[in-house]
Protein backbone atom coordinates (compact mmCIF):
# COMPACT_ATOMS: atom_id res chain seq x y z
CA MET A 1 0.00 0.00 0.00
CA VAL A 2 2.76 2.41 1.00
CA ARG A 3 4.71 1.51 -2.13
CA GLN A 4 1.72 2.07 -4.36
CA SER A 5 0.97 5.47 -2.76
CA CYS A 6 4.60 6.53 -3.23
CA LEU A 7 4.46 5.47 -6.85
CA ARG A 8 1.28 7.49 -7.32
CA GLY A 9 2.89 10.56 -5.68
CA PHE A 10 5.93 10.27 -7.91
CA GLU A 11 3.82 9.91 -11.03
CA GLY A 12 1.77 12.99 -9.94
CA MET A 13 4.89 15.06 -9.55
CA GLU A 14 6.13 14.03 -12.98
CA SER A 15 2.79 14.90 -14.53
CA GLU A 16 2.81 18.32 -12.81
CA LYS A 17 6.31 18.95 -14.20
CA ILE A 18 5.15 18.01 -17.65
CA ALA A 19 2.11 20.32 -17.25
CA GLY A 20 4.39 23.21 -16.16
CA LYS A 21 3.41 23.32 -12.52
CA ARG A 22 5.46 23.29 -9.38
CA PRO A 23 4.84 20.55 -6.93
CA GLY A 24 2.38 22.59 -4.84
CA GLY A 25 0.18 23.59 -7.70
CA ALA A 26 2.20 26.65 -8.84
CA VAL A 27 2.61 27.05 -12.58
CA VAL A 28 6.21 26.90 -13.82
CA PRO A 29 6.86 29.34 -16.72
CA GLU A 30 8.13 27.60 -19.77
CA PRO A 31 11.50 28.94 -20.95
CA GLU A 32 11.11 31.13 -24.09
CA SER A 33 12.83 29.68 -27.08
CA ASP A 34 15.29 31.68 -29.25
CA ALA A 35 13.00 31.49 -32.24
CA ARG A 36 10.02 32.92 -30.33
CA ARG A 37 12.18 35.73 -28.84
CA ALA A 38 13.50 36.69 -32.26
CA THR A 39 9.96 36.70 -33.66
CA SER A 40 8.68 39.02 -30.93
CA GLU A 41 11.65 41.39 -31.36
CA GLY A 42 11.00 41.42 -35.11
CA TYR A 43 7.38 42.43 -34.54
CA GLY A 44 8.56 45.24 -32.20
CA ASN A 45 11.06 46.60 -34.72
CA GLU A 46 8.45 46.55 -37.47
CA ALA A 47 6.03 48.50 -35.24
CA ASP A 48 8.69 51.11 -34.42
CA ALA A 49 9.63 51.46 -38.10
CA SER A 50 5.97 51.88 -39.00
CA LYS A 51 5.57 54.63 -36.37
CA ILE A 52 8.69 56.44 -37.63
CA GLU A 53 7.44 56.23 -41.19
CA ASP A 54 4.02 57.56 -40.20
CA TYR A 55 5.65 60.45 -38.33
CA ALA A 56 7.85 61.32 -41.33
CA THR A 57 4.82 61.23 -43.62
CA ARG A 58 2.84 63.50 -41.29
CA ASN A 59 5.82 65.87 -41.08
CA LYS A 60 6.05 66.07 -44.88
CA LEU A 61 2.32 66.72 -45.11
CA ASP A 62 2.59 69.50 -42.52
CA VAL A 63 5.42 71.14 -44.47
CA ALA A 64 3.49 70.84 -47.74
CA THR A 65 0.41 72.32 -46.07
CA SER A 66 2.44 75.23 -44.71
CA TRP A 67 3.95 76.03 -48.11
CA ALA A 68 0.56 75.71 -49.80
CA THR A 69 -0.91 78.18 -47.28
CA ILE A 70 1.95 80.60 -47.92
CA GLY A 71 1.47 80.23 -51.69
CA ILE A 72 -2.27 80.90 -51.42
CA PHE A 73 -1.62 83.95 -49.23
CA LEU A 74 0.97 85.34 -51.67
CA SER A 75 -1.34 84.75 -54.63
CA LEU A 76 -4.17 86.60 -52.90
CA ALA A 77 -1.77 89.40 -51.92
CA LEU A 78 -0.56 89.80 -55.52
CA MET A 79 -4.14 89.83 -56.77
CA GLY A 80 -5.00 92.51 -54.22
CA ILE A 81 -1.95 94.62 -55.14
CA SER A 82 -2.84 94.40 -58.83
CA ALA A 83 -6.54 95.11 -58.26
CA MET A 84 -5.85 98.13 -56.01
CA SER A 85 -3.12 99.60 -58.21
CA MET A 86 -5.20 102.72 -58.80
CA ILE A 87 -4.77 103.64 -55.12
CA LEU A 88 -1.61 101.76 -54.12
CA ILE A 89 0.61 103.28 -56.83
CA PRO A 90 0.24 106.94 -55.73
CA VAL A 91 0.18 106.05 -52.02
CA THR A 92 3.34 103.91 -52.27
CA LEU A 93 5.05 106.60 -54.32
CA ALA A 94 4.06 109.21 -51.73
CA VAL A 95 5.44 107.10 -48.86
CA VAL A 96 8.74 106.51 -50.70
CA VAL A 97 9.11 110.20 -51.59
CA GLY A 98 8.18 111.14 -48.01
CA MET A 99 10.88 108.84 -46.63
CA ILE A 100 13.39 110.26 -49.10
CA LEU A 101 12.51 113.74 -47.78
CA GLY A 102 12.82 112.52 -44.19
CA LEU A 103 16.27 114.03 -43.66
CA ALA A 104 15.12 117.38 -45.03
CA ALA A 105 12.09 117.25 -42.74
CA GLU A 106 14.33 116.58 -39.73
CA LYS A 107 16.54 119.58 -40.55
CA LEU A 108 13.53 121.87 -40.94
CA SER A 109 12.12 120.64 -37.63
CA LYS A 110 15.42 121.42 -35.89
CA LEU A 111 15.18 124.96 -37.28
CA GLY A 112 11.85 125.35 -35.49
CA VAL A 113 9.53 124.94 -38.49
CA PRO A 114 6.15 123.45 -37.42
CA ARG A 115 5.21 120.03 -38.76
CA VAL A 116 2.28 121.21 -40.87
CA LEU A 117 4.28 124.05 -42.43
CA ASN A 118 7.14 121.61 -42.91
CA ALA A 119 4.87 119.24 -44.86
CA VAL A 120 3.43 122.11 -46.94
CA LEU A 121 6.88 123.43 -47.89
CA LEU A 122 8.25 120.03 -48.92
CA SER A 123 5.10 119.04 -50.84
CA THR A 124 5.14 122.40 -52.64
CA ALA A 125 8.80 121.88 -53.53
CA VAL A 126 7.98 118.49 -55.06
CA ALA A 127 5.06 119.95 -57.02
CA LEU A 128 7.21 122.84 -58.24
CA ALA A 129 9.95 120.46 -59.41
CA ILE A 130 7.42 118.35 -61.34
CA PHE A 131 5.90 121.49 -62.89
CA LEU A 132 9.31 122.78 -64.00
CA VAL A 133 10.13 119.43 -65.63
CA ILE A 134 6.80 119.34 -67.47
CA ASN A 135 7.22 122.96 -68.57
CA ALA A 136 10.73 122.23 -69.83
CA LEU A 137 9.47 119.24 -71.82
CA ALA A 138 6.40 120.98 -73.27
CA GLY A 139 8.27 122.88 -75.98
CA PRO A 140 10.48 119.99 -77.22
CA LEU A 141 7.52 117.57 -77.20
CA ALA A 142 5.36 120.01 -79.21
CA LYS A 143 8.17 120.42 -81.72
CA LEU A 144 8.61 116.66 -81.92
CA ALA A 145 4.87 116.23 -82.54
CA GLN A 146 4.99 118.73 -85.42
CA GLU A 147 7.92 116.90 -86.99
CA ALA A 148 6.33 113.47 -86.51
CA PRO A 149 5.37 112.84 -90.19
CA ASP A 150 8.83 113.81 -91.47
CA PHE A 151 10.42 111.83 -88.67
CA PHE A 152 8.45 108.67 -89.57
CA GLN A 153 9.37 109.09 -93.22
CA ARG A 154 13.07 109.56 -92.50
CA THR A 155 13.01 106.62 -90.09
CA SER A 156 11.53 104.28 -92.70
CA ASP A 157 13.93 105.51 -95.39
CA ARG A 158 16.96 104.99 -93.17
CA LEU A 159 16.03 101.72 -91.46
CA VAL A 160 14.53 99.81 -94.39
CA PRO A 161 17.93 99.13 -96.06
CA TYR A 162 19.19 97.56 -92.86
CA LEU A 163 15.98 95.64 -92.16
CA ASP A 164 15.84 94.41 -95.75
CA ARG A 165 19.03 92.44 -95.16
CA LEU A 166 17.27 90.39 -92.50
CA LYS A 167 15.20 88.19 -94.78
CA TRP A 168 13.42 86.40 -91.92
CA LEU A 169 11.71 89.68 -90.93
CA HIS A 170 9.98 89.96 -94.34
CA ILE A 171 10.28 93.77 -94.25
CA SER A 172 10.91 95.77 -97.41
CA ALA A 173 10.23 99.27 -98.75
CA GLU A 174 6.74 98.16 -99.87
CA THR A 175 5.87 97.30 -96.27
CA PHE A 176 5.84 100.99 -95.30
CA GLN A 177 4.14 102.16 -98.49
CA GLY A 178 0.88 100.22 -98.12
CA GLY A 179 -1.02 98.20 -95.58
CA PRO A 180 -1.16 98.64 -91.80
CA MET A 181 2.54 99.62 -91.57
CA SER A 182 2.35 102.52 -94.03
CA ILE A 183 3.02 106.07 -92.89
CA SER A 184 -0.46 107.25 -93.88
CA THR A 185 -2.09 104.46 -91.87
CA LEU A 186 0.04 105.25 -88.82
CA LEU A 187 -0.93 108.92 -89.03
CA GLU A 188 -4.59 108.00 -89.37
CA ASN A 189 -4.34 105.79 -86.30
CA SER A 190 -2.81 108.65 -84.32
CA GLY A 191 -6.36 109.83 -83.62
CA ASN A 192 -7.07 106.52 -81.88
CA VAL A 193 -3.90 106.95 -79.86
CA LEU A 194 -4.99 110.41 -78.75
CA HIS A 195 -8.38 108.99 -77.81
CA VAL A 196 -6.73 106.37 -75.62
CA VAL A 197 -4.51 109.01 -74.04
CA SER A 198 -7.48 111.27 -73.31
CA ASN A 199 -9.36 108.38 -71.69
CA SER A 200 -6.33 107.65 -69.51
CA LEU A 201 -5.93 111.30 -68.57
CA THR A 202 -8.71 111.33 -65.96
CA PRO A 203 -7.35 108.38 -63.91
CA ALA A 204 -3.87 109.94 -64.12
CA ILE A 205 -5.19 113.24 -62.70
CA VAL A 206 -6.93 111.35 -59.89
CA GLN A 207 -3.70 109.49 -59.07
CA ILE A 208 -1.73 112.76 -59.05
CA LEU A 209 -4.21 114.25 -56.56
CA ILE A 210 -4.00 111.11 -54.39
CA PHE A 211 -0.20 111.32 -54.50
CA PHE A 212 0.00 114.93 -53.31
CA ALA A 213 -2.67 114.41 -50.64
CA ALA A 214 -0.90 111.29 -49.34
CA LEU A 215 2.50 113.02 -49.43
CA LEU A 216 1.20 116.04 -47.50
CA LEU A 217 -0.52 113.91 -44.84
CA PHE A 218 2.46 111.54 -44.55
CA LEU A 219 4.90 114.39 -43.97
CA ALA A 220 2.53 116.11 -41.51
CA GLY A 221 1.93 112.96 -39.44
CA ARG A 222 5.35 111.42 -39.90
CA ILE A 223 6.42 111.65 -36.24
CA SER A 224 3.15 110.29 -34.85
CA LEU A 225 3.20 107.47 -37.39
CA ARG A 226 6.72 106.55 -36.28
CA LYS A 227 5.60 106.45 -32.64
CA THR A 228 2.60 104.29 -33.50
CA ILE A 229 4.75 101.77 -35.36
CA ILE A 230 7.36 101.66 -32.59
CA MET A 231 4.84 101.29 -29.74
CA ALA A 232 3.08 98.46 -31.59
CA PHE A 233 5.94 96.14 -30.55
CA PRO A 234 5.58 94.51 -27.12
CA ASN A 235 9.07 94.74 -25.60
CA ARG A 236 11.95 97.17 -25.42
CA THR A 237 14.29 95.18 -27.66
CA SER A 238 11.79 95.03 -30.50
CA ARG A 239 11.08 98.75 -30.17
CA LEU A 240 14.77 99.60 -30.36
CA THR A 241 15.07 97.42 -33.47
CA ALA A 242 12.10 99.22 -35.05
CA ILE A 243 13.69 102.62 -34.30
CA ARG A 244 16.99 101.49 -35.79
CA ILE A 245 15.28 100.15 -38.96
CA ILE A 246 13.17 103.30 -39.54
CA ASN A 247 16.17 105.58 -39.07
CA ALA A 248 18.34 103.44 -41.33
CA VAL A 249 15.72 103.33 -44.11
CA GLU A 250 15.26 107.11 -44.06
CA ARG A 251 19.01 107.68 -44.01
CA VAL A 252 19.68 105.28 -46.89
CA LEU A 253 16.88 106.62 -49.09
CA GLY A 254 17.68 110.26 -48.35
CA VAL A 255 21.44 110.05 -48.88
CA TYR A 256 21.19 107.68 -51.84
CA PHE A 257 18.67 109.67 -53.87
CA ALA A 258 20.14 113.06 -53.00
CA THR A 259 23.55 111.93 -54.20
CA ALA A 260 22.14 110.01 -57.16
CA SER A 261 20.11 113.04 -58.27
CA LEU A 262 23.24 115.18 -58.44
CA ILE A 263 25.22 112.50 -60.27
CA TYR A 264 22.44 111.71 -62.73
CA ALA A 265 21.90 115.44 -63.33
CA GLY A 266 25.50 115.48 -64.52
CA ILE A 267 24.68 112.61 -66.88
CA GLY A 268 21.70 114.61 -68.15
CA VAL A 269 23.89 117.65 -68.85
CA ALA A 270 26.47 115.45 -70.57
CA MET A 271 23.72 113.88 -72.70
CA THR A 272 22.45 117.33 -73.70
CA VAL A 273 25.95 118.27 -74.87
CA ILE A 274 26.33 114.95 -76.72
CA ALA A 275 23.00 115.41 -78.49
CA TYR A 276 23.85 119.01 -79.44
CA VAL A 277 27.30 118.11 -80.77
CA GLY A 278 25.87 115.04 -82.52
CA GLY A 279 23.41 117.19 -84.46
CA MET A 280 20.31 115.57 -82.94
CA SER A 281 17.04 117.45 -82.57
CA VAL A 282 15.77 118.74 -79.16
CA PRO A 283 18.96 118.00 -77.18
CA VAL A 284 17.31 119.21 -73.94
CA LEU A 285 14.72 116.45 -74.26
CA TRP A 286 17.46 113.86 -74.61
CA GLY A 287 19.12 115.24 -71.48
CA VAL A 288 15.91 114.95 -69.45
CA PHE A 289 15.34 111.40 -70.71
CA ALA A 290 18.90 110.47 -69.74
CA PHE A 291 18.39 111.89 -66.24
CA VAL A 292 15.09 110.06 -65.66
CA SER A 293 16.18 106.75 -67.21
CA SER A 294 19.27 106.62 -65.00
CA PHE A 295 17.04 105.94 -61.98
CA ILE A 296 15.96 102.65 -63.60
CA PRO A 297 19.02 100.37 -63.39
CA LEU A 298 19.92 98.21 -66.38
CA LEU A 299 16.72 98.77 -68.37
CA GLY A 300 17.04 102.57 -68.34
CA VAL A 301 20.48 102.77 -69.91
CA THR A 302 19.61 99.96 -72.35
CA THR A 303 16.44 101.67 -73.58
CA MET A 304 18.21 105.03 -73.81
CA THR A 305 21.12 103.59 -75.81
CA ILE A 306 18.82 101.84 -78.29
CA ALA A 307 16.74 105.00 -78.75
CA LEU A 308 19.88 107.07 -79.35
CA ALA A 309 21.16 104.55 -81.88
CA ILE A 310 17.91 104.64 -83.86
CA ALA A 311 17.68 108.44 -83.72
CA GLY A 312 21.33 108.79 -84.76
CA ILE A 313 20.93 106.47 -87.72
CA VAL A 314 17.86 108.43 -88.81
CA THR A 315 19.63 111.77 -88.42
CA HIS A 316 22.96 110.98 -90.09
CA SER A 317 23.61 109.32 -93.41
CA ASP A 318 26.85 107.79 -92.19
CA LEU A 319 26.45 104.81 -89.85
CA VAL A 320 29.51 105.70 -87.75
CA PHE A 321 28.32 109.24 -87.04
CA GLY A 322 24.82 107.92 -86.43
CA LEU A 323 25.97 105.51 -83.71
CA ALA A 324 28.42 107.98 -82.14
CA PRO A 325 25.89 109.61 -79.72
CA ALA A 326 24.72 106.21 -78.44
CA VAL A 327 28.29 105.02 -77.93
CA ALA A 328 29.26 108.26 -76.17
CA PHE A 329 26.27 108.13 -73.83
CA PHE A 330 26.86 104.48 -72.98
CA ALA A 331 30.55 105.19 -72.24
CA VAL A 332 29.69 108.15 -69.99
CA HIS A 333 27.00 106.18 -68.12
CA LEU A 334 29.32 103.17 -67.73
CA ALA A 335 32.10 105.34 -66.30
CA VAL A 336 29.74 107.09 -63.88
CA GLU A 337 28.14 103.87 -62.60
CA ASN A 338 31.43 102.00 -62.15
CA LEU A 339 33.83 104.78 -61.12
CA VAL A 340 32.09 107.93 -59.90
CA PHE A 341 29.14 106.35 -58.10
CA PRO A 342 31.15 103.81 -56.04
CA ALA A 343 33.73 106.47 -55.20
CA VAL A 344 31.05 108.84 -53.85
CA MET A 345 28.60 106.37 -52.29
CA GLY A 346 30.92 103.55 -51.30
CA ARG A 347 30.37 99.82 -51.72
CA GLN A 348 28.02 99.26 -48.77
CA TRP A 349 24.85 100.09 -50.74
CA GLU A 350 25.55 98.06 -53.84
CA LEU A 351 22.73 95.74 -54.87
CA ASN A 352 22.96 92.45 -56.69
CA PRO A 353 22.26 93.24 -60.38
CA PHE A 354 20.24 90.04 -60.83
CA VAL A 355 18.03 90.86 -57.82
CA VAL A 356 17.51 94.41 -59.10
CA PHE A 357 16.65 93.09 -62.56
CA LEU A 358 14.05 90.71 -61.11
CA ALA A 359 12.61 93.53 -58.99
CA ILE A 360 12.30 95.79 -62.05
CA ILE A 361 10.63 93.05 -64.09
CA PHE A 362 8.21 92.21 -61.26
CA TRP A 363 7.15 95.79 -60.43
CA THR A 364 6.95 96.74 -64.12
CA TRP A 365 4.61 93.78 -64.60
CA MET A 366 2.55 94.86 -61.59
CA TRP A 367 2.44 98.65 -61.96
CA GLY A 368 3.95 99.56 -65.33
CA ALA A 369 6.41 102.46 -65.73
CA VAL A 370 5.84 103.74 -62.17
CA GLY A 371 6.61 100.27 -60.85
CA ALA A 372 9.91 100.26 -62.76
CA MET A 373 10.89 103.53 -61.06
CA LEU A 374 9.80 102.21 -57.63
CA ALA A 375 11.79 98.98 -58.00
CA LEU A 376 15.09 100.53 -56.87
CA PRO A 377 13.83 102.34 -53.72
CA LEU A 378 11.77 99.31 -52.69
CA SER A 379 14.85 97.09 -53.15
CA LEU A 380 16.88 99.50 -51.01
CA ILE A 381 14.22 99.38 -48.28
CA VAL A 382 14.20 95.56 -48.26
CA MET A 383 18.02 95.43 -48.24
CA THR A 384 18.19 97.88 -45.33
CA VAL A 385 15.59 95.99 -43.29
CA ILE A 386 17.43 92.70 -43.82
CA ASP A 387 20.78 94.27 -42.87
CA GLU A 388 19.33 95.71 -39.67
CA LEU A 389 17.48 92.53 -38.67
CA PHE A 390 20.42 90.20 -39.27
CA ILE A 391 23.16 92.59 -38.23
CA GLU A 392 26.31 90.83 -37.09
CA GLU A 393 27.82 91.63 -33.74
CA LYS A 394 31.10 93.43 -34.28
CA ALA A 395 34.05 92.14 -32.34
CA GLN A 396 35.08 94.62 -29.64
CA PRO A 397 38.82 95.27 -29.33
CA GLN A 398 40.35 93.85 -26.19
CA LEU A 399 42.53 96.17 -24.15
CA PRO A 400 45.81 94.72 -22.86
CA GLY A 401 45.55 93.51 -19.27
């Protein structure tokens, strides 16, 4: 009996071991095999890789969404700028001119001139300058209009032999004798041109009035506007940065355009002398065009040189004498831009020519001829703001110990 009970107890213990239990009823954990451990680790790595991939995908989608939002905002902003050009062009021009006159306004204020009188004097000076330019151009433009038929005829007679050599243009003497390119047809269509000009005259007058009103109000409220912009920032550091940027922009625009006006006036005088010596008609008009076109980098001098070349060829029978005024003007402008201007202004305000070219193309596309003239001052403003925001800390000299 005892032997049989012992055998039963031994067999029970063996069965509990096989079932994974301890001899008291406790379950004995079965050792995990290498294959099962590797399988579980593989599942864990795949889950982590899937989470990382999902995170990277969400991050890419967030970046794409951000750029899409920025693109939509810029598109709407460009549409708004284009749609409101009737108002934005004179207002922007008034703000730029007002900032250019900022240094003059500061000097008048130091002399004790009240703000309102200060604004009236500077706005009147701008209006007087524009009136004098228009009055100076009135006579030469009237003379040019009277000579328009003879000028068109001489132009066709002089240019057709050169254009006839370019067979792919399909232009010959018969082209200007009949059809839409004939002189008589062009003169007949001049009435349509005058009609278009007269229709555009009313919006131009409205824009001129908006410009002078905005310029007067900007100069009168210039100090209060500065304070409003500065106090809009929350902390002292941001306010000091705003003060530094506003002062730098006014200083750059004032000094740059005051100096450039004197230098480009010299180019205008030189162009007047070149046109007079070259036997070209209305030399004063050429001088004014040279002065104004110099404020439009790259495109101004290019357009002026091409116009001089065409007018010279029309005026002179000899090709060398005809191209001489254009070559002389281009040489003078090249010397001034590369020698005189850097020597007077220094190298710190030089702009990348490619960036300036893109700015001119963009603003010309947006606002036409006025946009082309605003491209340079707007580029200077952006350059100054970037320089002041990302100014590098200058290393302070260390005194010997």
